[in-house]
Amino acid sequence: MSCSGRRSRLKLFFLLLPVVAAGLFSRSGYASVLPQFVQVYAGDTLWALALYLCLAFVSPGAGAKELLLISLLISFAVEFSQLYQAEWINSVRNTKAGGLILGFGFKWSDLLCYFAGILAGFVIDSQRRNLRNY
């Protein structure tokens, strides 16, 4: 991040890579080596963190609170969209990318995971930005 308050897209990109890799790993066949709790909740939490980071990448000058709110709105909208089960959207969900982005079935626990992942992004972002002022 520069002193102007804008985030570095390069740093965001290199922060996003391990988050996406860990999220994909949590949904892979190899995830069975992880504790059950991590297998169940890590993917959704990391998905939400990746969303926050992607929005920060797209809009590096946006405020952390703004990114928090937009990330929550998008993630909650995606989760609630899972209540809609029309054939056309289910065909999108049945693709690899569609399933990873849109998910399959509504779960209240996913909303908590999204909140946790986005909150983690917000806290990290806020702390890094505050440290730049010293």
C-alpha atoms as a PDB file:
ATOM      1  CA  MET A   1       0.000   0.000   0.000  1.00  0.00           C
ATOM      2  CA  SER A   2       1.203   3.449  -0.748  1.00  0.00           C
ATOM      3  CA  CYS A   3       1.073   6.365   1.635  1.00  0.00           C
ATOM      4  CA  SER A   4      -1.785   7.841  -0.391  1.00  0.00           C
ATOM      5  CA  GLY A   5      -4.147   5.244   1.102  1.00  0.00           C
ATOM      6  CA  ARG A   6      -4.481   3.265  -2.101  1.00  0.00           C
ATOM      7  CA  ARG A   7      -3.765  -0.420  -1.828  1.00  0.00           C
ATOM      8  CA  SER A   8      -1.073  -2.022  -3.949  1.00  0.00           C
ATOM      9  CA  ARG A   9      -2.697  -4.264  -6.541  1.00  0.00           C
ATOM     10  CA  LEU A  10       0.497  -6.303  -6.712  1.00  0.00           C
ATOM     11  CA  LYS A  11       0.375  -6.995  -2.956  1.00  0.00           C
ATOM     12  CA  LEU A  12      -3.327  -7.813  -3.170  1.00  0.00           C
ATOM     13  CA  PHE A  13      -2.675 -10.229  -6.019  1.00  0.00           C
ATOM     14  CA  PHE A  14       0.012 -12.040  -4.037  1.00  0.00           C
ATOM     15  CA  LEU A  15      -2.243 -12.109  -0.978  1.00  0.00           C
ATOM     16  CA  LEU A  16      -5.131 -13.447  -3.041  1.00  0.00           C
ATOM     17  CA  LEU A  17      -3.142 -16.358  -4.520  1.00  0.00           C
ATOM     18  CA  PRO A  18      -2.718 -18.392  -1.305  1.00  0.00           C
ATOM     19  CA  VAL A  19      -6.283 -17.591  -0.216  1.00  0.00           C
ATOM     20  CA  VAL A  20      -7.677 -18.989  -3.484  1.00  0.00           C
ATOM     21  CA  ALA A  21      -5.274 -21.950  -3.391  1.00  0.00           C
ATOM     22  CA  ALA A  22      -6.288 -22.817   0.176  1.00  0.00           C
ATOM     23  CA  GLY A  23      -9.968 -22.419  -0.693  1.00  0.00           C
ATOM     24  CA  LEU A  24      -9.658 -24.727  -3.699  1.00  0.00           C
ATOM     25  CA  PHE A  25      -7.684 -27.227  -1.625  1.00  0.00           C
ATOM     26  CA  SER A  26     -10.447 -27.203   0.998  1.00  0.00           C
ATOM     27  CA  ARG A  27     -12.882 -28.330  -1.703  1.00  0.00           C
ATOM     28  CA  SER A  28     -10.590 -30.919  -3.280  1.00  0.00           C
ATOM     29  CA  GLY A  29     -10.350 -34.641  -2.691  1.00  0.00           C
ATOM     30  CA  TYR A  30      -7.223 -34.030  -0.636  1.00  0.00           C
ATOM     31  CA  ALA A  31      -9.133 -32.035   1.974  1.00  0.00           C
ATOM     32  CA  SER A  32      -9.805 -35.242   3.903  1.00  0.00           C
ATOM     33  CA  VAL A  33      -6.442 -34.686   5.625  1.00  0.00           C
ATOM     34  CA  LEU A  34      -7.899 -31.577   7.263  1.00  0.00           C
ATOM     35  CA  PRO A  35      -9.915 -31.610  10.480  1.00  0.00           C
ATOM     36  CA  GLN A  36     -13.658 -32.029   9.857  1.00  0.00           C
ATOM     37  CA  PHE A  37     -14.440 -28.501  11.081  1.00  0.00           C
ATOM     38  CA  VAL A  38     -11.964 -27.037   8.583  1.00  0.00           C
ATOM     39  CA  GLN A  39     -13.306 -29.212   5.767  1.00  0.00           C
ATOM     40  CA  VAL A  40     -16.826 -27.952   6.395  1.00  0.00           C
ATOM     41  CA  TYR A  41     -16.217 -24.243   6.963  1.00  0.00           C
ATOM     42  CA  ALA A  42     -12.873 -23.188   5.441  1.00  0.00           C
ATOM     43  CA  GLY A  43     -14.037 -23.035   1.825  1.00  0.00           C
ATOM     44  CA  ASP A  44     -16.874 -20.598   2.482  1.00  0.00           C
ATOM     45  CA  THR A  45     -14.771 -18.471   4.811  1.00  0.00           C
ATOM     46  CA  LEU A  46     -11.929 -18.260   2.303  1.00  0.00           C
ATOM     47  CA  TRP A  47     -14.394 -17.570  -0.542  1.00  0.00           C
ATOM     48  CA  ALA A  48     -15.622 -14.502   1.336  1.00  0.00           C
ATOM     49  CA  LEU A  49     -12.076 -13.362   2.129  1.00  0.00           C
ATOM     50  CA  ALA A  50     -11.210 -13.740  -1.569  1.00  0.00           C
ATOM     51  CA  LEU A  51     -14.265 -11.663  -2.461  1.00  0.00           C
ATOM     52  CA  TYR A  52     -13.087  -8.862  -0.156  1.00  0.00           C
ATOM     53  CA  LEU A  53      -9.591  -9.010  -1.666  1.00  0.00           C
ATOM     54  CA  CYS A  54     -10.958  -9.028  -5.223  1.00  0.00           C
ATOM     55  CA  LEU A  55     -13.064  -5.951  -4.524  1.00  0.00           C
ATOM     56  CA  ALA A  56     -10.026  -4.231  -2.984  1.00  0.00           C
ATOM     57  CA  PHE A  57      -8.043  -5.160  -6.105  1.00  0.00           C
ATOM     58  CA  VAL A  58     -10.704  -3.715  -8.410  1.00  0.00           C
ATOM     59  CA  SER A  59     -11.066  -0.565  -6.305  1.00  0.00           C
ATOM     60  CA  PRO A  60      -7.758  -0.051  -4.456  1.00  0.00           C
ATOM     61  CA  GLY A  61      -8.764   3.370  -3.149  1.00  0.00           C
ATOM     62  CA  ALA A  62     -12.039   2.236  -1.582  1.00  0.00           C
ATOM     63  CA  GLY A  63     -12.460   2.489   2.157  1.00  0.00           C
ATOM     64  CA  ALA A  64     -12.278  -0.671   4.242  1.00  0.00           C
ATOM     65  CA  LYS A  65     -15.800  -0.120   5.631  1.00  0.00           C
ATOM     66  CA  GLU A  66     -17.136   0.287   2.096  1.00  0.00           C
ATOM     67  CA  LEU A  67     -15.482  -2.969   1.028  1.00  0.00           C
ATOM     68  CA  LEU A  68     -16.840  -4.694   4.136  1.00  0.00           C
ATOM     69  CA  LEU A  69     -20.396  -3.633   3.336  1.00  0.00           C
ATOM     70  CA  ILE A  70     -20.226  -4.434  -0.390  1.00  0.00           C
ATOM     71  CA  SER A  71     -18.611  -7.820   0.290  1.00  0.00           C
ATOM     72  CA  LEU A  72     -21.320  -8.709   2.801  1.00  0.00           C
ATOM     73  CA  LEU A  73     -24.075  -7.644   0.403  1.00  0.00           C
ATOM     74  CA  ILE A  74     -22.643  -9.676  -2.476  1.00  0.00           C
ATOM     75  CA  SER A  75     -21.902 -12.780  -0.410  1.00  0.00           C
ATOM     76  CA  PHE A  76     -25.288 -12.758   1.292  1.00  0.00           C
ATOM     77  CA  ALA A  77     -27.026 -12.212  -2.065  1.00  0.00           C
ATOM     78  CA  VAL A  78     -25.163 -15.198  -3.521  1.00  0.00           C
ATOM     79  CA  GLU A  79     -26.175 -17.351  -0.565  1.00  0.00           C
ATOM     80  CA  PHE A  80     -29.825 -16.303  -0.693  1.00  0.00           C
ATOM     81  CA  SER A  81     -29.801 -16.882  -4.474  1.00  0.00           C
ATOM     82  CA  GLN A  82     -29.316 -20.556  -3.643  1.00  0.00           C
ATOM     83  CA  LEU A  83     -32.946 -20.647  -2.553  1.00  0.00           C
ATOM     84  CA  TYR A  84     -33.795 -20.095  -6.236  1.00  0.00           C
ATOM     85  CA  GLN A  85     -33.531 -23.431  -8.011  1.00  0.00           C
ATOM     86  CA  ALA A  86     -34.554 -22.763 -11.622  1.00  0.00           C
ATOM     87  CA  GLU A  87     -33.161 -25.086 -14.270  1.00  0.00           C
ATOM     88  CA  TRP A  88     -31.074 -22.392 -15.988  1.00  0.00           C
ATOM     89  CA  ILE A  89     -29.217 -21.316 -12.834  1.00  0.00           C
ATOM     90  CA  ASN A  90     -28.737 -24.910 -11.719  1.00  0.00           C
ATOM     91  CA  SER A  91     -27.071 -25.618 -15.061  1.00  0.00           C
ATOM     92  CA  VAL A  92     -24.662 -22.753 -14.292  1.00  0.00           C
ATOM     93  CA  ARG A  93     -24.099 -24.114 -10.783  1.00  0.00           C
ATOM     94  CA  ASN A  94     -23.319 -27.530 -12.247  1.00  0.00           C
ATOM     95  CA  THR A  95     -20.206 -26.144 -13.965  1.00  0.00           C
ATOM     96  CA  LYS A  96     -16.975 -26.084 -11.962  1.00  0.00           C
ATOM     97  CA  ALA A  97     -16.745 -22.267 -11.903  1.00  0.00           C
ATOM     98  CA  GLY A  98     -20.478 -21.813 -11.354  1.00  0.00           C
ATOM     99  CA  GLY A  99     -20.480 -24.173  -8.403  1.00  0.00           C
ATOM    100  CA  LEU A 100     -17.476 -22.496  -6.814  1.00  0.00           C
ATOM    101  CA  ILE A 101     -18.908 -19.003  -7.251  1.00  0.00           C
ATOM    102  CA  LEU A 102     -22.642 -19.553  -6.729  1.00  0.00           C
ATOM    103  CA  GLY A 103     -22.718 -22.620  -4.480  1.00  0.00           C
ATOM    104  CA  PHE A 104     -25.526 -25.156  -4.426  1.00  0.00           C
ATOM    105  CA  GLY A 105     -27.776 -25.012  -1.380  1.00  0.00           C
ATOM    106  CA  PHE A 106     -28.646 -22.376   1.179  1.00  0.00           C
ATOM    107  CA  LYS A 107     -27.127 -22.798   4.650  1.00  0.00           C
ATOM    108  CA  TRP A 108     -27.326 -20.347   7.524  1.00  0.00           C
ATOM    109  CA  SER A 109     -23.845 -21.430   8.587  1.00  0.00           C
ATOM    110  CA  ASP A 110     -22.469 -20.145   5.282  1.00  0.00           C
ATOM    111  CA  LEU A 111     -23.597 -16.636   6.218  1.00  0.00           C
ATOM    112  CA  LEU A 112     -21.511 -16.895   9.394  1.00  0.00           C
ATOM    113  CA  CYS A 113     -18.524 -18.131   7.375  1.00  0.00           C
ATOM    114  CA  TYR A 114     -18.910 -15.238   4.948  1.00  0.00           C
ATOM    115  CA  PHE A 115     -19.058 -12.779   7.823  1.00  0.00           C
ATOM    116  CA  ALA A 116     -15.919 -14.303   9.390  1.00  0.00           C
ATOM    117  CA  GLY A 117     -13.957 -14.252   6.119  1.00  0.00           C
ATOM    118  CA  ILE A 118     -14.938 -10.698   5.260  1.00  0.00           C
ATOM    119  CA  LEU A 119     -14.281  -9.536   8.807  1.00  0.00           C
ATOM    120  CA  ALA A 120     -10.802 -11.087   8.613  1.00  0.00           C
ATOM    121  CA  GLY A 121     -10.154  -9.178   5.380  1.00  0.00           C
ATOM    122  CA  PHE A 122     -11.455  -5.976   6.914  1.00  0.00           C
ATOM    123  CA  VAL A 123      -9.312  -6.331  10.049  1.00  0.00           C
ATOM    124  CA  ILE A 124      -6.150  -7.161   8.089  1.00  0.00           C
ATOM    125  CA  ASP A 125      -6.841  -4.333   5.648  1.00  0.00           C
ATOM    126  CA  SER A 126      -7.550  -1.829   8.421  1.00  0.00           C
ATOM    127  CA  GLN A 127      -4.466  -2.813  10.421  1.00  0.00           C
ATOM    128  CA  ARG A 128      -2.157  -2.640   7.403  1.00  0.00           C
ATOM    129  CA  ARG A 129      -3.560   0.732   6.404  1.00  0.00           C
ATOM    130  CA  ASN A 130      -3.216   2.059   9.976  1.00  0.00           C
ATOM    131  CA  LEU A 131       0.396   0.895  10.165  1.00  0.00           C
ATOM    132  CA  ARG A 132       1.202   2.901   7.025  1.00  0.00           C
ATOM    133  CA  ASN A 133       0.364   6.093   8.916  1.00  0.00           C
ATOM    134  CA  TYR A 134       3.215   5.565  11.403  1.00  0.00           C
END
